[in-house]
N, C-alpha and C. Protein backbone atom coordinates (compact mmCIF):
# COMPACT_ATOMS: atom_id res chain seq x y z
N MET A 1 141.33 -23.78 56.54
CA MET A 1 141.56 -25.04 57.10
C MET A 1 141.22 -25.04 58.61
N ARG A 2 140.54 -26.02 58.98
CA ARG A 2 140.21 -26.18 60.40
C ARG A 2 141.24 -27.04 61.09
N LEU A 3 141.89 -26.56 62.12
CA LEU A 3 142.89 -27.29 62.81
C LEU A 3 142.37 -28.09 63.98
N THR A 4 143.04 -29.16 64.19
CA THR A 4 142.64 -29.96 65.36
C THR A 4 143.82 -29.92 66.40
N SER A 5 143.85 -30.78 67.29
CA SER A 5 144.91 -30.83 68.29
C SER A 5 146.16 -31.57 67.69
N GLU A 6 146.07 -32.12 66.53
CA GLU A 6 147.20 -32.76 65.89
C GLU A 6 148.22 -31.82 65.40
N PRO A 7 149.49 -32.10 65.59
CA PRO A 7 150.60 -31.19 65.12
C PRO A 7 150.64 -31.18 63.57
N ILE A 8 151.08 -30.07 63.10
CA ILE A 8 151.34 -29.92 61.57
C ILE A 8 152.83 -29.70 61.42
N PHE A 9 153.40 -30.47 60.53
CA PHE A 9 154.88 -30.46 60.31
C PHE A 9 155.12 -29.96 58.88
N GLN A 10 156.08 -28.97 58.80
CA GLN A 10 156.53 -28.48 57.55
C GLN A 10 158.03 -28.45 57.58
N PRO A 11 158.72 -29.50 57.10
CA PRO A 11 160.22 -29.48 57.20
C PRO A 11 160.85 -28.50 56.18
N ASN A 12 161.85 -27.78 56.64
CA ASN A 12 162.64 -26.85 55.86
C ASN A 12 164.09 -27.03 56.26
N PRO A 13 165.03 -26.92 55.29
CA PRO A 13 166.43 -27.02 55.65
C PRO A 13 166.80 -25.73 56.45
N ALA A 14 167.79 -25.95 57.42
CA ALA A 14 168.29 -24.78 58.12
C ALA A 14 169.75 -24.98 58.44
N LEU A 15 170.49 -23.89 58.53
CA LEU A 15 171.83 -23.90 58.88
C LEU A 15 171.98 -23.26 60.28
N ASN A 16 173.00 -23.59 61.03
CA ASN A 16 173.23 -23.03 62.37
C ASN A 16 173.17 -21.48 62.20
N GLY A 17 172.35 -20.91 63.10
CA GLY A 17 172.25 -19.40 63.09
C GLY A 17 171.13 -18.85 62.20
N ASP A 18 170.57 -19.67 61.30
CA ASP A 18 169.42 -19.13 60.48
C ASP A 18 168.27 -18.76 61.40
N THR A 19 167.64 -17.68 61.10
CA THR A 19 166.44 -17.29 61.85
C THR A 19 165.19 -17.44 61.01
N PHE A 20 164.17 -18.03 61.62
CA PHE A 20 162.94 -18.34 60.91
C PHE A 20 161.76 -17.55 61.58
N ARG A 21 160.88 -17.06 60.83
CA ARG A 21 159.64 -16.46 61.34
C ARG A 21 158.51 -17.06 60.59
N VAL A 22 157.56 -17.47 61.35
CA VAL A 22 156.32 -18.01 60.82
C VAL A 22 155.16 -17.11 61.18
N ASP A 23 154.38 -16.71 60.21
CA ASP A 23 153.16 -15.87 60.41
C ASP A 23 151.91 -16.72 60.13
N VAL A 24 150.93 -16.67 61.04
CA VAL A 24 149.69 -17.39 60.81
C VAL A 24 148.52 -16.56 61.20
N TRP A 25 147.37 -16.67 60.42
CA TRP A 25 146.16 -16.00 60.70
C TRP A 25 145.38 -16.98 61.49
N LEU A 26 144.84 -16.68 62.58
CA LEU A 26 144.03 -17.62 63.37
C LEU A 26 142.84 -16.88 64.04
N ARG A 27 141.77 -17.67 64.24
CA ARG A 27 140.62 -17.26 65.01
C ARG A 27 140.04 -18.45 65.62
N ALA A 28 139.13 -18.25 66.68
CA ALA A 28 138.47 -19.31 67.33
C ALA A 28 136.99 -19.13 67.22
N GLN A 29 136.25 -20.24 67.41
CA GLN A 29 134.79 -20.13 67.43
C GLN A 29 134.31 -19.49 68.73
N GLN A 30 135.20 -19.55 69.71
CA GLN A 30 134.83 -18.93 71.04
C GLN A 30 136.05 -18.15 71.54
N ALA A 31 135.83 -16.91 71.86
CA ALA A 31 136.95 -16.02 72.38
C ALA A 31 137.55 -16.60 73.62
N GLY A 32 138.87 -16.39 73.75
CA GLY A 32 139.56 -16.94 74.85
C GLY A 32 140.28 -18.30 74.70
N LYS A 33 139.94 -18.95 73.63
CA LYS A 33 140.62 -20.26 73.38
C LYS A 33 142.09 -19.94 73.17
N ARG A 34 142.99 -20.92 73.48
CA ARG A 34 144.43 -20.76 73.35
C ARG A 34 145.02 -21.76 72.37
N VAL A 35 146.13 -21.31 71.76
CA VAL A 35 146.83 -22.21 70.85
C VAL A 35 148.34 -22.05 71.17
N ASP A 36 149.03 -23.15 71.09
CA ASP A 36 150.50 -23.12 71.24
C ASP A 36 151.15 -23.21 69.84
N LEU A 37 151.95 -22.18 69.52
CA LEU A 37 152.72 -22.17 68.27
C LEU A 37 154.14 -22.61 68.61
N THR A 38 154.66 -23.59 67.91
CA THR A 38 155.96 -24.12 68.20
C THR A 38 156.76 -24.18 66.88
N LEU A 39 158.04 -23.80 67.00
CA LEU A 39 159.05 -23.97 65.95
C LEU A 39 160.09 -24.86 66.63
N ASP A 40 160.43 -25.99 65.94
CA ASP A 40 161.55 -26.74 66.44
C ASP A 40 162.47 -27.16 65.36
N PHE A 41 163.66 -27.47 65.77
CA PHE A 41 164.73 -27.80 64.86
C PHE A 41 165.22 -29.21 65.18
N ARG A 42 165.32 -30.10 64.14
CA ARG A 42 165.59 -31.47 64.30
C ARG A 42 166.75 -31.89 63.37
N ASP A 43 167.34 -33.00 63.67
CA ASP A 43 168.28 -33.58 62.64
C ASP A 43 167.51 -34.11 61.49
N GLN A 44 168.16 -34.77 60.58
CA GLN A 44 167.50 -35.29 59.36
C GLN A 44 166.41 -36.29 59.66
N GLU A 45 166.51 -37.01 60.78
CA GLU A 45 165.46 -37.90 61.18
C GLU A 45 164.34 -37.13 61.78
N MET A 46 163.24 -37.00 61.03
CA MET A 46 162.13 -36.12 61.46
C MET A 46 161.47 -36.45 62.85
N TRP A 47 161.53 -37.76 63.12
CA TRP A 47 160.73 -38.20 64.30
C TRP A 47 161.64 -38.28 65.57
N THR A 48 162.78 -37.66 65.57
CA THR A 48 163.67 -37.63 66.74
C THR A 48 163.25 -36.40 67.65
N GLN A 49 163.84 -36.38 68.79
CA GLN A 49 163.58 -35.22 69.71
C GLN A 49 164.17 -34.00 69.12
N PRO A 50 163.58 -32.85 69.31
CA PRO A 50 164.09 -31.55 68.80
C PRO A 50 165.43 -31.23 69.41
N LEU A 51 166.31 -30.60 68.57
CA LEU A 51 167.55 -30.06 69.07
C LEU A 51 167.28 -28.77 69.81
N PHE A 52 166.31 -28.03 69.34
CA PHE A 52 165.87 -26.78 70.05
C PHE A 52 164.40 -26.55 69.73
N GLU A 53 163.70 -25.96 70.63
CA GLU A 53 162.26 -25.77 70.49
C GLU A 53 161.85 -24.38 71.06
N GLU A 54 161.09 -23.62 70.35
CA GLU A 54 160.52 -22.37 70.82
C GLU A 54 158.97 -22.48 70.73
N THR A 55 158.30 -22.24 71.85
CA THR A 55 156.85 -22.29 71.91
C THR A 55 156.32 -20.97 72.50
N GLU A 56 155.27 -20.49 71.91
CA GLU A 56 154.53 -19.32 72.45
C GLU A 56 153.00 -19.70 72.45
N ARG A 57 152.44 -19.37 73.53
CA ARG A 57 150.99 -19.56 73.72
C ARG A 57 150.27 -18.27 73.36
N LYS A 58 149.26 -18.37 72.47
CA LYS A 58 148.50 -17.19 72.05
C LYS A 58 146.96 -17.43 72.46
N THR A 59 146.38 -16.28 72.78
CA THR A 59 144.99 -16.33 73.10
C THR A 59 144.18 -15.78 71.92
N LEU A 60 143.20 -16.53 71.47
CA LEU A 60 142.46 -16.24 70.26
C LEU A 60 141.16 -15.46 70.57
N SER A 61 140.67 -14.77 69.55
CA SER A 61 139.40 -14.07 69.58
C SER A 61 138.55 -14.68 68.46
N THR A 62 137.37 -14.17 68.24
CA THR A 62 136.48 -14.69 67.17
C THR A 62 136.77 -13.96 65.85
N THR A 63 137.67 -13.01 65.87
CA THR A 63 138.01 -12.32 64.64
C THR A 63 139.43 -12.75 64.19
N TRP A 64 139.73 -12.76 62.94
CA TRP A 64 141.04 -13.13 62.41
C TRP A 64 142.08 -12.31 62.98
N GLN A 65 143.20 -12.82 63.50
CA GLN A 65 144.33 -12.12 63.97
C GLN A 65 145.66 -12.69 63.40
N LEU A 66 146.59 -11.91 63.11
CA LEU A 66 147.89 -12.32 62.73
C LEU A 66 148.81 -12.59 63.91
N PHE A 67 149.37 -13.81 63.92
CA PHE A 67 150.32 -14.14 65.00
C PHE A 67 151.63 -14.60 64.32
N SER A 68 152.74 -14.31 65.08
CA SER A 68 154.03 -14.62 64.61
C SER A 68 154.87 -15.38 65.62
N ILE A 69 155.75 -16.22 65.24
CA ILE A 69 156.72 -16.80 66.14
C ILE A 69 158.02 -16.85 65.42
N THR A 70 159.15 -16.60 66.14
CA THR A 70 160.45 -16.49 65.57
C THR A 70 161.40 -17.40 66.37
N ALA A 71 162.27 -18.06 65.70
CA ALA A 71 163.32 -18.85 66.38
C ALA A 71 164.59 -18.98 65.51
N THR A 72 165.73 -19.13 66.15
CA THR A 72 166.96 -19.26 65.42
C THR A 72 167.51 -20.65 65.63
N ALA A 73 167.95 -21.25 64.49
CA ALA A 73 168.48 -22.63 64.48
C ALA A 73 169.76 -22.73 65.39
N PRO A 74 169.85 -23.74 66.15
CA PRO A 74 171.03 -23.89 67.01
C PRO A 74 172.25 -24.21 66.24
């Protein structure tokens, strides 16, 4: 899948204290490009402001790399 600058949402239920880890394989057409990986936790209303958000910026290369981000539900 080719990603654009548009966010991708995948809702999952969470309880307070649950820890989530997301692993993604990424590469870029040009080395040095950056991507922000974000996990956020929201109430039932998907389009509200996050209760908590964890963001990590990753630098990509032209070869596939595995990246992970972990966050704990508030």
